Amino acid sequence: MAEPLPILADDGLCEEGRDLIRGVLERIGDKWSVIVICQLGDTTLRFNELRRMSAPITQRMLSATLRGLERDGLVTRTVHDTKPPRVDYALTPRGSSLLEVVRALAGWAERNATGILDSRTAFDAR
């Protein structure tokens, strides 16, 4: 297992660590990544199942999102040798560890949605 990157150095975040953290947060903070991670949860889904459950995501955006999640080791893609070909997606152990965080974030957003809308309305009225 790789050693964790130091978060804080004497002069703040080191350049390498800052770029990696930024990239990871961009991936997991993307709205479609969050939705896909939540939809996969503890199950395996086919591409079209994911697309239906994640509407209104486009086919192109779902493909790009899944590729990024797979690249980061959060999702596995399994191709079955059938006619027609079947492709399944599932969370990896790393993706599953992120699921708890994503669900907590989604829960926070749901619990605070009304207050946030009220704050936006008040701000926009100024």
Protein backbone atom coordinates (compact mmCIF):
# COMPACT_ATOMS: atom_id res chain seq x y z
CA MET A 1 0.00 0.00 0.00
CA ALA A 2 1.35 3.43 -0.93
CA GLU A 3 2.15 5.91 1.78
CA PRO A 4 -0.39 8.71 2.09
CA LEU A 5 0.70 12.04 0.67
CA PRO A 6 1.41 14.69 3.26
CA ILE A 7 -1.55 17.05 3.42
CA LEU A 8 0.29 19.91 5.07
CA ALA A 9 3.92 20.82 4.69
CA ASP A 10 5.66 23.72 6.39
CA ASP A 11 4.68 25.97 3.51
CA GLY A 12 1.20 24.50 2.88
CA LEU A 13 0.24 21.75 0.50
CA CYS A 14 3.05 20.37 -1.60
CA GLU A 15 2.46 20.85 -5.32
CA GLU A 16 2.11 17.13 -6.13
CA GLY A 17 -0.30 16.50 -3.26
CA ARG A 18 -2.37 19.57 -4.06
CA ASP A 19 -2.81 18.56 -7.71
CA LEU A 20 -3.73 14.98 -6.82
CA ILE A 21 -6.22 16.06 -4.15
CA ARG A 22 -7.76 18.59 -6.54
CA GLY A 23 -8.14 15.92 -9.21
CA VAL A 24 -9.71 13.42 -6.82
CA LEU A 25 -12.14 16.02 -5.48
CA GLU A 26 -13.09 17.05 -9.03
CA ARG A 27 -13.91 13.41 -9.82
CA ILE A 28 -15.91 12.63 -6.71
CA GLY A 29 -17.48 16.08 -6.56
CA ASP A 30 -18.87 15.86 -10.06
CA LYS A 31 -22.66 15.58 -9.91
CA TRP A 32 -22.83 12.61 -12.25
CA SER A 33 -20.11 10.69 -10.40
CA VAL A 34 -22.00 11.13 -7.14
CA ILE A 35 -25.23 9.92 -8.74
CA VAL A 36 -23.56 6.90 -10.38
CA ILE A 37 -21.81 5.92 -7.14
CA CYS A 38 -25.12 6.15 -5.26
CA GLN A 39 -26.98 4.17 -7.93
CA LEU A 40 -24.40 1.38 -7.94
CA GLY A 41 -24.44 1.18 -4.14
CA ASP A 42 -24.06 -2.47 -3.22
CA THR A 43 -25.21 -3.85 -6.57
CA THR A 44 -24.06 -4.48 -10.12
CA LEU A 45 -25.86 -2.71 -12.95
CA ARG A 46 -25.78 -2.73 -16.71
CA PHE A 47 -25.14 0.47 -18.65
CA ASN A 48 -28.77 1.05 -19.68
CA GLU A 49 -30.02 0.32 -16.15
CA LEU A 50 -27.62 2.96 -14.84
CA ARG A 51 -28.72 5.39 -17.53
CA ARG A 52 -32.42 4.95 -16.69
CA MET A 53 -31.78 5.31 -12.97
CA SER A 54 -29.59 8.39 -13.50
CA ALA A 55 -31.89 10.31 -15.87
CA PRO A 56 -31.50 12.86 -17.41
CA ILE A 57 -27.84 11.88 -17.97
CA THR A 58 -26.91 11.42 -21.62
CA GLN A 59 -25.29 8.27 -22.95
CA ARG A 60 -22.12 10.21 -23.72
CA MET A 61 -21.90 11.73 -20.23
CA LEU A 62 -22.56 8.39 -18.53
CA SER A 63 -19.82 6.76 -20.62
CA ALA A 64 -17.36 9.52 -19.73
CA THR A 65 -18.31 9.37 -16.05
CA LEU A 66 -17.92 5.59 -15.90
CA ARG A 67 -14.54 5.78 -17.68
CA GLY A 68 -13.30 8.34 -15.16
CA LEU A 69 -14.54 6.31 -12.20
CA GLU A 70 -12.95 3.18 -13.64
CA ARG A 71 -9.66 5.03 -14.24
CA ASP A 72 -9.60 6.12 -10.59
CA GLY A 73 -10.27 2.56 -9.42
CA LEU A 74 -13.74 3.31 -8.07
CA VAL A 75 -15.75 1.21 -10.56
CA THR A 76 -15.14 -2.08 -12.33
CA ARG A 77 -16.35 -2.82 -15.84
CA THR A 78 -16.97 -6.47 -16.64
CA VAL A 79 -17.65 -7.52 -20.24
CA HIS A 80 -19.49 -10.84 -20.64
CA ASP A 81 -18.98 -12.85 -23.82
CA THR A 82 -22.64 -13.14 -24.79
CA LYS A 83 -24.76 -12.21 -27.78
CA PRO A 84 -25.43 -9.32 -27.52
CA PRO A 85 -22.45 -8.41 -25.33
CA ARG A 86 -23.31 -7.60 -21.74
CA VAL A 87 -21.33 -5.10 -19.69
CA ASP A 88 -21.77 -4.79 -15.93
CA TYR A 89 -20.56 -2.03 -13.64
CA ALA A 90 -19.95 -2.31 -9.91
CA LEU A 91 -18.13 -0.41 -7.21
CA THR A 92 -14.66 -1.57 -6.23
CA PRO A 93 -13.75 -1.77 -2.53
CA ARG A 94 -12.37 1.78 -2.90
CA GLY A 95 -15.64 2.90 -4.50
CA SER A 96 -17.62 1.21 -1.73
CA SER A 97 -15.60 3.07 0.89
CA LEU A 98 -16.51 6.31 -0.89
CA LEU A 99 -20.20 5.34 -0.99
CA GLU A 100 -20.62 6.06 2.73
CA VAL A 101 -19.15 9.53 2.30
CA VAL A 102 -21.24 10.26 -0.79
CA ARG A 103 -24.43 9.09 0.93
CA ALA A 104 -23.64 11.30 3.91
CA LEU A 105 -23.09 14.27 1.60
CA ALA A 106 -26.33 13.54 -0.30
CA GLY A 107 -28.19 13.27 3.02
CA TRP A 108 -26.77 16.60 4.17
CA ALA A 109 -27.89 18.21 0.89
CA GLU A 110 -31.38 16.76 1.27
CA ARG A 111 -31.70 17.89 4.90
CA ASN A 112 -30.51 21.41 4.07
CA ALA A 113 -32.15 21.92 0.66
CA THR A 114 -35.05 24.03 1.95
CA GLY A 115 -32.78 26.30 3.97
CA ILE A 116 -30.41 26.71 1.04
CA LEU A 117 -33.30 27.63 -1.27
CA ASP A 118 -34.50 30.17 1.32
CA SER A 119 -31.00 31.64 1.54
CA ARG A 120 -30.74 31.88 -2.24
CA THR A 121 -34.11 33.62 -2.47
CA ALA A 122 -33.12 36.11 0.22
CA PHE A 123 -29.75 36.75 -1.42
CA ASP A 124 -31.26 37.21 -4.90
CA ALA A 125 -33.86 39.63 -3.52
CA ARG A 126 -31.14 42.04 -2.32
